[in-house]
Every structure is written in structure tokens, then in C-alpha cells.
Amino acid sequence: MYKKIDTTISFYKFINITNLDTIKSKIYRYLDNHNIYGTVIISPEGINVNFCGTSENVEKSRSFISELLNLGSIHYNYSIINEKVFSKLKVKIKDEIIKAGFTISEDMFLKISL
């Protein structure tokens, strides 16, 4: 039975990510198999996510990404929607997850996690 796309989620976290191509492939495959639409940006400095799907698939996908990257406790922004707000799925590797005009150093990772 078809379920209506009714939920969006967005979140980000500054974390050290290695094996970007492998992570990209795993995330894309999982989200594509769960009819998720939107954008995921990964970089060596972290992840930035904004996608939509059914509430069940959004929650499964959130959990998958959280466990895959060991995100721990972070804030997730959920919204209820009436229609699909993204037309396709994109998982991209970029230099930054948020255009901030500065780079994250190892010292900053330590300060953020304390």
C-alpha cells in the first residue's frame, strides 16, 4: 500500500568523517531504497541532511545515518508536509557541510565534543 510523503527532517553535525565515497554510497543506497527525497552533504568535517518521505521511512533513515556515523545525541528538526518538497535524492561530497567561511580544526572537534 502506498503511503503519502508527509514528513521532512533536517539535521547536521560537525564530526570527523573518513571513507567519504563508501559513506556516500551506503547512505544513497539506503535512502533510495526507502523512497527518500532531498539532499545529504557529507564532508571530512561532518554531515548536513535535509530530506522528506513517509514518517516511517524518514525515521528509519534518520536512525540508519545516526548509527552509521555514530552521531550520538543531536537535535533533529521535523516538519509535517502536505506534499513532496524535494524532487530527487542527492548525496554529495563537498569541502564544507555549511558555508561558513572558516575551516574546522582538530582542536575545534575537541572543544565541540566536551
PDB file of N, CA and C in Angstrom:
ATOM      1  N   MET A   1       0.831  -1.187   0.000  1.00  0.00           N
ATOM      2  CA  MET A   1       0.000   0.000   0.000  1.00  0.00           C
ATOM      3  C   MET A   1       0.875   1.249   0.000  1.00  0.00           C
ATOM      4  N   TYR A   2       0.509   2.205  -0.806  1.00  0.00           N
ATOM      5  CA  TYR A   2       1.244   3.460  -0.921  1.00  0.00           C
ATOM      6  C   TYR A   2       0.962   4.344   0.287  1.00  0.00           C
ATOM      7  N   LYS A   3       2.014   4.878   0.883  1.00  0.00           N
ATOM      8  CA  LYS A   3       1.864   5.836   1.980  1.00  0.00           C
ATOM      9  C   LYS A   3       2.321   7.200   1.483  1.00  0.00           C
ATOM     10  N   LYS A   4       1.605   8.218   1.890  1.00  0.00           N
ATOM     11  CA  LYS A   4       1.867   9.584   1.442  1.00  0.00           C
ATOM     12  C   LYS A   4       3.132  10.148   2.098  1.00  0.00           C
ATOM     13  N   ILE A   5       3.924  10.849   1.302  1.00  0.00           N
ATOM     14  CA  ILE A   5       5.072  11.575   1.843  1.00  0.00           C
ATOM     15  C   ILE A   5       4.525  12.694   2.711  1.00  0.00           C
ATOM     16  N   ASP A   6       4.883  12.680   3.994  1.00  0.00           N
ATOM     17  CA  ASP A   6       4.273  13.613   4.939  1.00  0.00           C
ATOM     18  C   ASP A   6       5.233  14.245   5.941  1.00  0.00           C
ATOM     19  N   THR A   7       6.527  13.941   5.834  1.00  0.00           N
ATOM     20  CA  THR A   7       7.473  14.399   6.851  1.00  0.00           C
ATOM     21  C   THR A   7       8.790  14.844   6.224  1.00  0.00           C
ATOM     22  N   THR A   8       9.340  15.942   6.743  1.00  0.00           N
ATOM     23  CA  THR A   8      10.711  16.330   6.407  1.00  0.00           C
ATOM     24  C   THR A   8      11.533  16.285   7.686  1.00  0.00           C
ATOM     25  N   ILE A   9      12.822  16.133   7.503  1.00  0.00           N
ATOM     26  CA  ILE A   9      13.755  16.176   8.617  1.00  0.00           C
ATOM     27  C   ILE A   9      15.001  16.913   8.157  1.00  0.00           C
ATOM     28  N   SER A  10      15.598  17.648   9.068  1.00  0.00           N
ATOM     29  CA  SER A  10      16.897  18.263   8.795  1.00  0.00           C
ATOM     30  C   SER A  10      17.735  18.187  10.056  1.00  0.00           C
ATOM     31  N   PHE A  11      19.033  17.986   9.843  1.00  0.00           N
ATOM     32  CA  PHE A  11      19.982  17.969  10.959  1.00  0.00           C
ATOM     33  C   PHE A  11      21.389  18.070  10.385  1.00  0.00           C
ATOM     34  N   TYR A  12      22.311  18.458  11.247  1.00  0.00           N
ATOM     35  CA  TYR A  12      23.717  18.476  10.858  1.00  0.00           C
ATOM     36  C   TYR A  12      24.562  18.213  12.087  1.00  0.00           C
ATOM     37  N   LYS A  13      25.785  17.788  11.846  1.00  0.00           N
ATOM     38  CA  LYS A  13      26.727  17.601  12.947  1.00  0.00           C
ATOM     39  C   LYS A  13      28.144  17.700  12.402  1.00  0.00           C
ATOM     40  N   PHE A  14      28.956  18.445  13.136  1.00  0.00           N
ATOM     41  CA  PHE A  14      30.382  18.509  12.832  1.00  0.00           C
ATOM     42  C   PHE A  14      31.054  17.311  13.486  1.00  0.00           C
ATOM     43  N   ILE A  15      31.521  16.387  12.657  1.00  0.00           N
ATOM     44  CA  ILE A  15      32.239  15.202  13.116  1.00  0.00           C
ATOM     45  C   ILE A  15      33.301  14.872  12.069  1.00  0.00           C
ATOM     46  N   ASN A  16      34.272  14.126  12.477  1.00  0.00           N
ATOM     47  CA  ASN A  16      35.313  13.701  11.546  1.00  0.00           C
ATOM     48  C   ASN A  16      34.804  12.498  10.757  1.00  0.00           C
ATOM     49  N   ILE A  17      34.717  12.635   9.437  1.00  0.00           N
ATOM     50  CA  ILE A  17      34.257  11.535   8.581  1.00  0.00           C
ATOM     51  C   ILE A  17      35.372  11.162   7.613  1.00  0.00           C
ATOM     52  N   THR A  18      35.693   9.881   7.600  1.00  0.00           N
ATOM     53  CA  THR A  18      36.651   9.347   6.630  1.00  0.00           C
ATOM     54  C   THR A  18      35.882   8.413   5.697  1.00  0.00           C
ATOM     55  N   ASN A  19      36.537   7.902   4.689  1.00  0.00           N
ATOM     56  CA  ASN A  19      35.915   6.990   3.718  1.00  0.00           C
ATOM     57  C   ASN A  19      34.649   7.606   3.125  1.00  0.00           C
ATOM     58  N   LEU A  20      34.758   8.845   2.655  1.00  0.00           N
ATOM     59  CA  LEU A  20      33.600   9.582   2.163  1.00  0.00           C
ATOM     60  C   LEU A  20      32.863   8.861   1.038  1.00  0.00           C
ATOM     61  N   ASP A  21      33.596   8.263   0.104  1.00  0.00           N
ATOM     62  CA  ASP A  21      32.943   7.573  -1.012  1.00  0.00           C
ATOM     63  C   ASP A  21      32.112   6.381  -0.526  1.00  0.00           C
ATOM     64  N   THR A  22      32.633   5.636   0.430  1.00  0.00           N
ATOM     65  CA  THR A  22      31.905   4.495   0.988  1.00  0.00           C
ATOM     66  C   THR A  22      30.666   4.957   1.736  1.00  0.00           C
ATOM     67  N   ILE A  23      30.812   5.985   2.565  1.00  0.00           N
ATOM     68  CA  ILE A  23      29.685   6.533   3.328  1.00  0.00           C
ATOM     69  C   ILE A  23      28.618   7.061   2.365  1.00  0.00           C
ATOM     70  N   LYS A  24      29.048   7.789   1.347  1.00  0.00           N
ATOM     71  CA  LYS A  24      28.112   8.333   0.350  1.00  0.00           C
ATOM     72  C   LYS A  24      27.309   7.207  -0.283  1.00  0.00           C
ATOM     73  N   SER A  25      27.976   6.155  -0.706  1.00  0.00           N
ATOM     74  CA  SER A  25      27.327   5.034  -1.369  1.00  0.00           C
ATOM     75  C   SER A  25      26.324   4.341  -0.446  1.00  0.00           C
ATOM     76  N   LYS A  26      26.698   4.113   0.802  1.00  0.00           N
ATOM     77  CA  LYS A  26      25.801   3.447   1.755  1.00  0.00           C
ATOM     78  C   LYS A  26      24.561   4.293   2.019  1.00  0.00           C
ATOM     79  N   ILE A  27      24.766   5.583   2.234  1.00  0.00           N
ATOM     80  CA  ILE A  27      23.631   6.474   2.501  1.00  0.00           C
ATOM     81  C   ILE A  27      22.722   6.551   1.286  1.00  0.00           C
ATOM     82  N   TYR A  28      23.284   6.734   0.100  1.00  0.00           N
ATOM     83  CA  TYR A  28      22.463   6.841  -1.105  1.00  0.00           C
ATOM     84  C   TYR A  28      21.615   5.582  -1.307  1.00  0.00           C
ATOM     85  N   ARG A  29      22.253   4.421  -1.223  1.00  0.00           N
ATOM     86  CA  ARG A  29      21.535   3.160  -1.426  1.00  0.00           C
ATOM     87  C   ARG A  29      20.382   3.002  -0.436  1.00  0.00           C
ATOM     88  N   TYR A  30      20.662   3.302   0.833  1.00  0.00           N
ATOM     89  CA  TYR A  30      19.631   3.139   1.854  1.00  0.00           C
ATOM     90  C   TYR A  30      18.460   4.091   1.602  1.00  0.00           C
ATOM     91  N   LEU A  31      18.760   5.367   1.407  1.00  0.00           N
ATOM     92  CA  LEU A  31      17.699   6.357   1.206  1.00  0.00           C
ATOM     93  C   LEU A  31      16.907   6.074  -0.065  1.00  0.00           C
ATOM     94  N   ASP A  32      17.590   5.714  -1.135  1.00  0.00           N
ATOM     95  CA  ASP A  32      16.921   5.416  -2.400  1.00  0.00           C
ATOM     96  C   ASP A  32      15.973   4.225  -2.231  1.00  0.00           C
ATOM     97  N   ASN A  33      16.397   3.212  -1.503  1.00  0.00           N
ATOM     98  CA  ASN A  33      15.557   2.033  -1.260  1.00  0.00           C
ATOM     99  C   ASN A  33      14.351   2.343  -0.373  1.00  0.00           C
ATOM    100  N   HIS A  34      14.393   3.465   0.340  1.00  0.00           N
ATOM    101  CA  HIS A  34      13.298   3.844   1.231  1.00  0.00           C
ATOM    102  C   HIS A  34      12.505   5.051   0.713  1.00  0.00           C
ATOM    103  N   ASN A  35      12.633   5.331  -0.576  1.00  0.00           N
ATOM    104  CA  ASN A  35      11.861   6.408  -1.223  1.00  0.00           C
ATOM    105  C   ASN A  35      12.004   7.754  -0.507  1.00  0.00           C
ATOM    106  N   ILE A  36      13.241   8.108  -0.215  1.00  0.00           N
ATOM    107  CA  ILE A  36      13.560   9.380   0.430  1.00  0.00           C
ATOM    108  C   ILE A  36      14.033  10.350  -0.654  1.00  0.00           C
ATOM    109  N   TYR A  37      13.597  11.612  -0.534  1.00  0.00           N
ATOM    110  CA  TYR A  37      13.969  12.661  -1.486  1.00  0.00           C
ATOM    111  C   TYR A  37      14.584  13.823  -0.712  1.00  0.00           C
ATOM    112  N   GLY A  38      15.631  14.427  -1.256  1.00  0.00           N
ATOM    113  CA  GLY A  38      16.263  15.569  -0.623  1.00  0.00           C
ATOM    114  C   GLY A  38      17.751  15.547  -0.835  1.00  0.00           C
ATOM    115  N   THR A  39      18.469  16.213   0.070  1.00  0.00           N
ATOM    116  CA  THR A  39      19.913  16.363  -0.084  1.00  0.00           C
ATOM    117  C   THR A  39      20.643  15.984   1.192  1.00  0.00           C
ATOM    118  N   VAL A  40      21.724  15.239   1.012  1.00  0.00           N
ATOM    119  CA  VAL A  40      22.647  14.918   2.098  1.00  0.00           C
ATOM    120  C   VAL A  40      24.019  15.384   1.643  1.00  0.00           C
ATOM    121  N   ILE A  41      24.647  16.208   2.450  1.00  0.00           N
ATOM    122  CA  ILE A  41      26.011  16.669   2.158  1.00  0.00           C
ATOM    123  C   ILE A  41      26.927  16.072   3.210  1.00  0.00           C
ATOM    124  N   ILE A  42      27.975  15.409   2.735  1.00  0.00           N
ATOM    125  CA  ILE A  42      28.985  14.885   3.649  1.00  0.00           C
ATOM    126  C   ILE A  42      30.328  15.487   3.274  1.00  0.00           C
ATOM    127  N   SER A  43      31.160  15.659   4.280  1.00  0.00           N
ATOM    128  CA  SER A  43      32.500  16.190   4.069  1.00  0.00           C
ATOM    129  C   SER A  43      33.382  15.641   5.182  1.00  0.00           C
ATOM    130  N   PRO A  44      34.680  15.883   5.083  1.00  0.00           N
ATOM    131  CA  PRO A  44      35.549  15.444   6.177  1.00  0.00           C
ATOM    132  C   PRO A  44      35.176  16.076   7.523  1.00  0.00           C
ATOM    133  N   GLU A  45      34.445  17.199   7.496  1.00  0.00           N
ATOM    134  CA  GLU A  45      34.093  17.899   8.738  1.00  0.00           C
ATOM    135  C   GLU A  45      32.731  17.526   9.298  1.00  0.00           C
ATOM    136  N   GLY A  46      31.912  16.739   8.558  1.00  0.00           N
ATOM    137  CA  GLY A  46      30.620  16.366   9.113  1.00  0.00           C
ATOM    138  C   GLY A  46      29.558  16.063   8.076  1.00  0.00           C
ATOM    139  N   ILE A  47      28.292  16.167   8.516  1.00  0.00           N
ATOM    140  CA  ILE A  47      27.147  15.826   7.676  1.00  0.00           C
ATOM    141  C   ILE A  47      26.048  16.864   7.840  1.00  0.00           C
ATOM    142  N   ASN A  48      25.334  17.140   6.736  1.00  0.00           N
ATOM    143  CA  ASN A  48      24.195  18.059   6.729  1.00  0.00           C
ATOM    144  C   ASN A  48      23.091  17.369   5.923  1.00  0.00           C
ATOM    145  N   VAL A  49      21.915  17.203   6.541  1.00  0.00           N
ATOM    146  CA  VAL A  49      20.841  16.411   5.965  1.00  0.00           C
ATOM    147  C   VAL A  49      19.559  17.226   5.892  1.00  0.00           C
ATOM    148  N   ASN A  50      18.845  17.093   4.772  1.00  0.00           N
ATOM    149  CA  ASN A  50      17.532  17.705   4.607  1.00  0.00           C
ATOM    150  C   ASN A  50      16.767  16.847   3.602  1.00  0.00           C
ATOM    151  N   PHE A  51      15.809  16.027   4.095  1.00  0.00           N
ATOM    152  CA  PHE A  51      15.080  15.161   3.184  1.00  0.00           C
ATOM    153  C   PHE A  51      13.651  14.927   3.643  1.00  0.00           C
ATOM    154  N   CYS A  52      12.856  14.311   2.747  1.00  0.00           N
ATOM    155  CA  CYS A  52      11.455  14.020   3.058  1.00  0.00           C
ATOM    156  C   CYS A  52      11.114  12.605   2.645  1.00  0.00           C
ATOM    157  N   GLY A  53      10.004  12.114   3.214  1.00  0.00           N
ATOM    158  CA  GLY A  53       9.480  10.798   2.905  1.00  0.00           C
ATOM    159  C   GLY A  53       8.295  10.522   3.800  1.00  0.00           C
ATOM    160  N   THR A  54       7.884   9.272   3.848  1.00  0.00           N
ATOM    161  CA  THR A  54       6.840   8.923   4.811  1.00  0.00           C
ATOM    162  C   THR A  54       7.440   9.030   6.212  1.00  0.00           C
ATOM    163  N   SER A  55       6.606   9.261   7.203  1.00  0.00           N
ATOM    164  CA  SER A  55       7.132   9.404   8.566  1.00  0.00           C
ATOM    165  C   SER A  55       7.926   8.165   8.979  1.00  0.00           C
ATOM    166  N   GLU A  56       7.454   6.987   8.599  1.00  0.00           N
ATOM    167  CA  GLU A  56       8.142   5.743   8.939  1.00  0.00           C
ATOM    168  C   GLU A  56       9.516   5.667   8.272  1.00  0.00           C
ATOM    169  N   ASN A  57       9.589   5.977   6.983  1.00  0.00           N
ATOM    170  CA  ASN A  57      10.866   5.896   6.266  1.00  0.00           C
ATOM    171  C   ASN A  57      11.827   7.000   6.668  1.00  0.00           C
ATOM    172  N   VAL A  58      11.309   8.175   6.988  1.00  0.00           N
ATOM    173  CA  VAL A  58      12.175   9.251   7.495  1.00  0.00           C
ATOM    174  C   VAL A  58      12.824   8.811   8.801  1.00  0.00           C
ATOM    175  N   GLU A  59      12.049   8.216   9.687  1.00  0.00           N
ATOM    176  CA  GLU A  59      12.594   7.772  10.974  1.00  0.00           C
ATOM    177  C   GLU A  59      13.602   6.644  10.792  1.00  0.00           C
ATOM    178  N   LYS A  60      13.311   5.692   9.932  1.00  0.00           N
ATOM    179  CA  LYS A  60      14.267   4.607   9.649  1.00  0.00           C
ATOM    180  C   LYS A  60      15.565   5.173   9.077  1.00  0.00           C
ATOM    181  N   SER A  61      15.449   6.137   8.169  1.00  0.00           N
ATOM    182  CA  SER A  61      16.622   6.726   7.522  1.00  0.00           C
ATOM    183  C   SER A  61      17.442   7.556   8.508  1.00  0.00           C
ATOM    184  N   ARG A  62      16.760   8.295   9.367  1.00  0.00           N
ATOM    185  CA  ARG A  62      17.448   9.064  10.409  1.00  0.00           C
ATOM    186  C   ARG A  62      18.250   8.128  11.299  1.00  0.00           C
ATOM    187  N   SER A  63      17.615   7.048  11.714  1.00  0.00           N
ATOM    188  CA  SER A  63      18.271   6.071  12.575  1.00  0.00           C
ATOM    189  C   SER A  63      19.467   5.423  11.872  1.00  0.00           C
ATOM    190  N   PHE A  64      19.307   5.067  10.601  1.00  0.00           N
ATOM    191  CA  PHE A  64      20.393   4.459   9.831  1.00  0.00           C
ATOM    192  C   PHE A  64      21.614   5.379   9.782  1.00  0.00           C
ATOM    193  N   ILE A  65      21.398   6.649   9.424  1.00  0.00           N
ATOM    194  CA  ILE A  65      22.508   7.604   9.318  1.00  0.00           C
ATOM    195  C   ILE A  65      23.142   7.840  10.681  1.00  0.00           C
ATOM    196  N   SER A  66      22.312   7.979  11.705  1.00  0.00           N
ATOM    197  CA  SER A  66      22.823   8.214  13.056  1.00  0.00           C
ATOM    198  C   SER A  66      23.720   7.068  13.523  1.00  0.00           C
ATOM    199  N   GLU A  67      23.287   5.844  13.274  1.00  0.00           N
ATOM    200  CA  GLU A  67      24.084   4.681  13.672  1.00  0.00           C
ATOM    201  C   GLU A  67      25.322   4.522  12.799  1.00  0.00           C
ATOM    202  N   LEU A  68      25.183   4.743  11.496  1.00  0.00           N
ATOM    203  CA  LEU A  68      26.309   4.607  10.570  1.00  0.00           C
ATOM    204  C   LEU A  68      27.462   5.533  10.963  1.00  0.00           C
ATOM    205  N   LEU A  69      27.127   6.774  11.359  1.00  0.00           N
ATOM    206  CA  LEU A  69      28.146   7.771  11.674  1.00  0.00           C
ATOM    207  C   LEU A  69      28.331   7.983  13.170  1.00  0.00           C
ATOM    208  N   ASN A  70      27.618   7.210  13.978  1.00  0.00           N
ATOM    209  CA  ASN A  70      27.720   7.335  15.436  1.00  0.00           C
ATOM    210  C   ASN A  70      27.520   8.790  15.868  1.00  0.00           C
ATOM    211  N   LEU A  71      26.393   9.372  15.466  1.00  0.00           N
ATOM    212  CA  LEU A  71      26.140  10.793  15.704  1.00  0.00           C
ATOM    213  C   LEU A  71      25.845  11.123  17.163  1.00  0.00           C
ATOM    214  N   GLY A  72      25.402  10.161  17.934  1.00  0.00           N
ATOM    215  CA  GLY A  72      25.099  10.447  19.330  1.00  0.00           C
ATOM    216  C   GLY A  72      23.869  11.333  19.450  1.00  0.00           C
ATOM    217  N   SER A  73      23.829  12.094  20.508  1.00  0.00           N
ATOM    218  CA  SER A  73      22.676  12.942  20.792  1.00  0.00           C
ATOM    219  C   SER A  73      22.792  14.273  20.039  1.00  0.00           C
ATOM    220  N   ILE A  74      21.869  14.499  19.104  1.00  0.00           N
ATOM    221  CA  ILE A  74      21.806  15.765  18.383  1.00  0.00           C
ATOM    222  C   ILE A  74      20.345  16.167  18.220  1.00  0.00           C
ATOM    223  N   HIS A  75      20.119  17.388  17.786  1.00  0.00           N
ATOM    224  CA  HIS A  75      18.761  17.879  17.577  1.00  0.00           C
ATOM    225  C   HIS A  75      18.320  17.586  16.142  1.00  0.00           C
ATOM    226  N   TYR A  76      17.126  17.029  15.995  1.00  0.00           N
ATOM    227  CA  TYR A  76      16.538  16.752  14.685  1.00  0.00           C
ATOM    228  C   TYR A  76      15.341  17.676  14.505  1.00  0.00           C
ATOM    229  N   ASN A  77      15.271  18.357  13.367  1.00  0.00           N
ATOM    230  CA  ASN A  77      14.142  19.232  13.045  1.00  0.00           C
ATOM    231  C   ASN A  77      13.181  18.481  12.136  1.00  0.00           C
ATOM    232  N   TYR A  78      11.980  18.200  12.645  1.00  0.00           N
ATOM    233  CA  TYR A  78      10.944  17.529  11.870  1.00  0.00           C
ATOM    234  C   TYR A  78       9.880  18.540  11.482  1.00  0.00           C
ATOM    235  N   SER A  79       9.277  18.358  10.315  1.00  0.00           N
ATOM    236  CA  SER A  79       8.130  19.152   9.881  1.00  0.00           C
ATOM    237  C   SER A  79       7.140  18.228   9.191  1.00  0.00           C
ATOM    238  N   ILE A  80       5.861  18.507   9.402  1.00  0.00           N
ATOM    239  CA  ILE A  80       4.803  17.791   8.703  1.00  0.00           C
ATOM    240  C   ILE A  80       4.519  18.557   7.409  1.00  0.00           C
ATOM    241  N   ILE A  81       4.397  17.830   6.300  1.00  0.00           N
ATOM    242  CA  ILE A  81       4.169  18.461   4.994  1.00  0.00           C
ATOM    243  C   ILE A  81       2.940  17.841   4.334  1.00  0.00           C
ATOM    244  N   ASN A  82       2.408  18.533   3.341  1.00  0.00           N
ATOM    245  CA  ASN A  82       1.246  18.035   2.607  1.00  0.00           C
ATOM    246  C   ASN A  82       1.602  17.405   1.267  1.00  0.00           C
ATOM    247  N   GLU A  83       2.834  17.645   0.819  1.00  0.00           N
ATOM    248  CA  GLU A  83       3.270  17.098  -0.469  1.00  0.00           C
ATOM    249  C   GLU A  83       4.788  16.982  -0.479  1.00  0.00           C
ATOM    250  N   LYS A  84       5.297  16.220  -1.427  1.00  0.00           N
ATOM    251  CA  LYS A  84       6.742  16.025  -1.573  1.00  0.00           C
ATOM    252  C   LYS A  84       7.397  17.375  -1.860  1.00  0.00           C
ATOM    253  N   VAL A  85       8.388  17.752  -1.061  1.00  0.00           N
ATOM    254  CA  VAL A  85       9.027  19.067  -1.216  1.00  0.00           C
ATOM    255  C   VAL A  85      10.364  18.994  -1.955  1.00  0.00           C
ATOM    256  N   PHE A  86      10.868  17.805  -2.214  1.00  0.00           N
ATOM    257  CA  PHE A  86      12.091  17.615  -2.993  1.00  0.00           C
ATOM    258  C   PHE A  86      11.768  16.678  -4.153  1.00  0.00           C
ATOM    259  N   SER A  87      12.364  16.951  -5.309  1.00  0.00           N
ATOM    260  CA  SER A  87      12.028  16.156  -6.490  1.00  0.00           C
ATOM    261  C   SER A  87      12.918  14.936  -6.689  1.00  0.00           C
ATOM    262  N   LYS A  88      14.104  14.941  -6.086  1.00  0.00           N
ATOM    263  CA  LYS A  88      15.008  13.806  -6.262  1.00  0.00           C
ATOM    264  C   LYS A  88      15.930  13.685  -5.062  1.00  0.00           C
ATOM    265  N   LEU A  89      16.683  12.609  -5.038  1.00  0.00           N
ATOM    266  CA  LEU A  89      17.650  12.359  -3.971  1.00  0.00           C
ATOM    267  C   LEU A  89      19.044  12.714  -4.457  1.00  0.00           C
ATOM    268  N   LYS A  90      19.760  13.481  -3.635  1.00  0.00           N
ATOM    269  CA  LYS A  90      21.160  13.811  -3.930  1.00  0.00           C
ATOM    270  C   LYS A  90      21.985  13.571  -2.668  1.00  0.00           C
ATOM    271  N   VAL A  91      23.070  12.835  -2.812  1.00  0.00           N
ATOM    272  CA  VAL A  91      24.047  12.674  -1.738  1.00  0.00           C
ATOM    273  C   VAL A  91      25.365  13.153  -2.319  1.00  0.00           C
ATOM    274  N   LYS A  92      25.888  14.236  -1.735  1.00  0.00           N
ATOM    275  CA  LYS A  92      27.063  14.900  -2.302  1.00  0.00           C
ATOM    276  C   LYS A  92      28.220  14.925  -1.303  1.00  0.00           C
ATOM    277  N   ILE A  93      29.418  14.851  -1.852  1.00  0.00           N
ATOM    278  CA  ILE A  93      30.634  15.076  -1.067  1.00  0.00           C
ATOM    279  C   ILE A  93      31.100  16.488  -1.377  1.00  0.00           C
ATOM    280  N   LYS A  94      31.273  17.285  -0.334  1.00  0.00           N
ATOM    281  CA  LYS A  94      31.720  18.667  -0.502  1.00  0.00           C
ATOM    282  C   LYS A  94      32.833  18.964   0.498  1.00  0.00           C
ATOM    283  N   ASP A  95      33.464  20.136   0.332  1.00  0.00           N
ATOM    284  CA  ASP A  95      34.514  20.555   1.260  1.00  0.00           C
ATOM    285  C   ASP A  95      33.958  20.994   2.602  1.00  0.00           C
ATOM    286  N   GLU A  96      32.741  21.575   2.602  1.00  0.00           N
ATOM    287  CA  GLU A  96      32.106  22.069   3.826  1.00  0.00           C
ATOM    288  C   GLU A  96      30.661  21.589   3.872  1.00  0.00           C
ATOM    289  N   ILE A  97      30.142  21.365   5.077  1.00  0.00           N
ATOM    290  CA  ILE A  97      28.736  20.989   5.192  1.00  0.00           C
ATOM    291  C   ILE A  97      27.843  22.225   5.302  1.00  0.00           C
ATOM    292  N   ILE A  98      28.401  23.315   5.780  1.00  0.00           N
ATOM    293  CA  ILE A  98      27.696  24.591   5.876  1.00  0.00           C
ATOM    294  C   ILE A  98      28.672  25.668   5.436  1.00  0.00           C
ATOM    295  N   LYS A  99      28.260  26.512   4.506  1.00  0.00           N
ATOM    296  CA  LYS A  99      29.126  27.604   4.064  1.00  0.00           C
ATOM    297  C   LYS A  99      29.312  28.584   5.219  1.00  0.00           C
ATOM    298  N   ALA A 100      30.481  28.534   5.831  1.00  0.00           N
ATOM    299  CA  ALA A 100      30.731  29.384   6.990  1.00  0.00           C
ATOM    300  C   ALA A 100      31.938  30.299   6.779  1.00  0.00           C
ATOM    301  N   GLY A 101      32.760  29.995   5.793  1.00  0.00           N
ATOM    302  CA  GLY A 101      33.919  30.824   5.534  1.00  0.00           C
ATOM    303  C   GLY A 101      35.099  30.539   6.445  1.00  0.00           C
ATOM    304  N   PHE A 102      35.028  29.431   7.210  1.00  0.00           N
ATOM    305  CA  PHE A 102      36.158  29.040   8.032  1.00  0.00           C
ATOM    306  C   PHE A 102      36.272  27.523   8.000  1.00  0.00           C
ATOM    307  N   THR A 103      37.397  26.998   8.445  1.00  0.00           N
ATOM    308  CA  THR A 103      37.583  25.556   8.471  1.00  0.00           C
ATOM    309  C   THR A 103      37.569  25.066   9.909  1.00  0.00           C
ATOM    310  N   ILE A 104      37.165  23.839  10.074  1.00  0.00           N
ATOM    311  CA  ILE A 104      37.119  23.216  11.385  1.00  0.00           C
ATOM    312  C   ILE A 104      38.446  22.499  11.611  1.00  0.00           C
ATOM    313  N   SER A 105      39.098  22.826  12.715  1.00  0.00           N
ATOM    314  CA  SER A 105      40.369  22.182  13.043  1.00  0.00           C
ATOM    315  C   SER A 105      40.132  21.062  14.051  1.00  0.00           C
ATOM    316  N   GLU A 106      41.123  20.231  14.249  1.00  0.00           N
ATOM    317  CA  GLU A 106      41.044  19.143  15.226  1.00  0.00           C
ATOM    318  C   GLU A 106      40.765  19.701  16.617  1.00  0.00           C
ATOM    319  N   ASP A 107      41.357  20.843  16.968  1.00  0.00           N
ATOM    320  CA  ASP A 107      41.096  21.478  18.269  1.00  0.00           C
ATOM    321  C   ASP A 107      39.633  21.820  18.436  1.00  0.00           C
ATOM    322  N   MET A 108      38.992  22.269  17.355  1.00  0.00           N
ATOM    323  CA  MET A 108      37.571  22.607  17.432  1.00  0.00           C
ATOM    324  C   MET A 108      36.721  21.376  17.659  1.00  0.00           C
ATOM    325  N   PHE A 109      37.090  20.220  17.058  1.00  0.00           N
ATOM    326  CA  PHE A 109      36.361  18.973  17.318  1.00  0.00           C
ATOM    327  C   PHE A 109      36.407  18.646  18.797  1.00  0.00           C
ATOM    328  N   LEU A 110      37.579  18.808  19.396  1.00  0.00           N
ATOM    329  CA  LEU A 110      37.722  18.520  20.817  1.00  0.00           C
ATOM    330  C   LEU A 110      36.868  19.443  21.663  1.00  0.00           C
ATOM    331  N   LYS A 111      36.830  20.728  21.337  1.00  0.00           N
ATOM    332  CA  LYS A 111      36.035  21.691  22.109  1.00  0.00           C
ATOM    333  C   LYS A 111      34.546  21.424  21.943  1.00  0.00           C
ATOM    334  N   ILE A 112      34.128  21.061  20.725  1.00  0.00           N
ATOM    335  CA  ILE A 112      32.708  20.794  20.468  1.00  0.00           C
ATOM    336  C   ILE A 112      32.241  19.573  21.246  1.00  0.00           C
ATOM    337  N   SER A 113      33.068  18.566  21.336  1.00  0.00           N
ATOM    338  CA  SER A 113      32.639  17.334  21.992  1.00  0.00           C
ATOM    339  C   SER A 113      32.772  17.358  23.514  1.00  0.00           C
ATOM    340  N   LEU A 114      33.366  18.400  24.069  1.00  0.00           N
ATOM    341  CA  LEU A 114      33.494  18.478  25.534  1.00  0.00           C
ATOM    342  C   LEU A 114      32.260  18.942  26.190  1.00  0.00           C
TER     343      LEU A 114
END
